[in-house]
Protein backbone atom coordinates (compact mmCIF):
# COMPACT_ATOMS: atom_id res chain seq x y z
CA MET A 1 -5.16 16.74 5.80
CA ILE A 2 -2.78 15.59 3.08
CA PRO A 3 -3.11 16.74 -0.52
CA GLN A 4 -5.22 14.50 -2.79
CA GLU A 5 -2.27 13.85 -5.09
CA THR A 6 -0.12 12.67 -2.17
CA GLU A 7 -2.93 10.49 -0.85
CA GLU A 8 -3.40 8.82 -4.24
CA MET A 9 0.36 8.24 -4.54
CA LEU A 10 0.48 6.64 -1.08
CA LEU A 11 -2.52 4.44 -1.81
CA SER A 12 -0.89 3.34 -5.06
CA LEU A 13 2.35 2.46 -3.27
CA ILE A 14 0.41 0.49 -0.67
CA GLU A 15 -1.52 -1.32 -3.40
CA ASN A 16 1.75 -2.27 -5.13
CA GLU A 17 3.23 -3.60 -1.89
CA LEU A 18 0.07 -5.61 -1.21
CA SER A 19 0.31 -7.06 -4.73
CA SER A 20 3.86 -8.21 -4.01
CA LEU A 21 2.84 -9.74 -0.68
CA HIS A 22 -0.18 -11.45 -2.25
CA ASN A 23 1.98 -12.97 -4.96
CA HIS A 24 4.57 -14.12 -2.41
CA TYR A 25 2.02 -16.00 -0.28
CA LEU A 26 0.23 -17.38 -3.32
CA GLN A 27 3.53 -18.78 -4.58
CA ARG A 28 4.29 -20.13 -1.10
CA ALA A 29 0.92 -21.91 -0.97
CA LYS A 30 1.57 -23.40 -4.43
CA ALA A 31 5.03 -24.58 -3.38
CA VAL A 32 3.62 -26.35 -0.32
CA ALA A 33 0.83 -27.90 -2.38
CA HIS A 34 3.35 -29.17 -4.92
CA GLU A 35 5.49 -30.66 -2.15
CA ILE A 36 2.46 -32.72 -1.14
CA ASN A 37 1.19 -33.52 -4.63
CA PRO A 38 3.50 -32.52 -7.51
CA ARG A 39 0.83 -33.32 -10.12
CA LEU A 40 -1.47 -30.49 -9.04
CA THR A 41 -2.11 -27.76 -11.57
CA ASP A 42 -2.88 -24.10 -10.90
CA GLU A 43 -6.46 -24.90 -11.86
CA ASP A 44 -6.59 -27.67 -9.25
CA LEU A 45 -5.57 -25.16 -6.61
CA LEU A 46 -8.58 -22.99 -7.40
CA ASN A 47 -10.55 -25.67 -5.53
CA PRO A 48 -8.14 -26.96 -2.91
CA ASP A 49 -11.02 -28.46 -0.91
CA ASN A 50 -11.00 -31.27 -3.48
CA PHE A 51 -7.60 -32.29 -2.13
CA PRO A 52 -7.89 -33.14 1.59
CA ASP A 53 -4.16 -33.85 1.90
CA ILE A 54 -3.47 -30.24 0.87
CA MET A 55 -6.10 -28.76 3.15
CA GLN A 56 -4.81 -30.70 6.16
CA ASP A 57 -1.37 -29.13 5.92
CA PRO A 58 -1.21 -26.05 8.16
CA ARG A 59 1.58 -24.56 6.02
CA TYR A 60 -0.77 -24.52 3.04
CA THR A 61 -3.78 -23.15 4.90
CA TYR A 62 -1.64 -20.46 6.53
CA ALA A 63 -0.12 -19.24 3.25
CA ASP A 64 -3.43 -19.51 1.40
CA GLY A 65 -5.24 -17.65 4.18
CA LEU A 66 -2.68 -14.86 4.19
CA ALA A 67 -2.92 -14.56 0.41
CA ALA A 68 -6.71 -14.26 0.67
CA GLY A 69 -6.52 -11.65 3.43
CA ILE A 70 -3.94 -9.60 1.56
CA LEU A 71 -6.10 -9.74 -1.57
CA SER A 72 -9.02 -8.37 0.47
CA ALA A 73 -6.86 -5.51 1.72
CA LYS A 74 -5.70 -4.82 -1.83
CA MET A 75 -9.30 -4.61 -3.04
CA ALA A 76 -10.08 -2.16 -0.23
CA ILE A 77 -7.16 0.03 -1.33
CA LYS A 78 -8.33 -0.14 -4.95
CA ALA A 79 -11.79 0.94 -3.82
CA ALA A 80 -10.29 3.85 -1.91
CA ILE A 81 -8.26 4.90 -4.95
CA TYR A 82 -11.28 4.62 -7.23
CA SER A 83 -13.60 6.51 -4.90
CA GLY A 84 -10.97 9.22 -4.44
CA SER A 85 -10.62 9.72 -8.19
CA LYS A 86 -14.35 10.48 -8.56
CA ASP A 87 -14.20 13.57 -6.33
């Protein structure tokens, strides 16, 4: 068993790394989307299903899917940090 303080520090480091990865893949998805349609705004990309040409590009769906999965992992880490701080 590792000390609570060490566990919280490790979880925080993991959360920070996941944030960096999430941002990287989010930016990658945006770059691909803008290659296809340079007029798209960040708001447009909140609903990429409205743009079939974007959704048909496997580079976009891959980067967007990774960003979503990493965000899920980050939320799980945040939950672990929060639940650990209540003890």
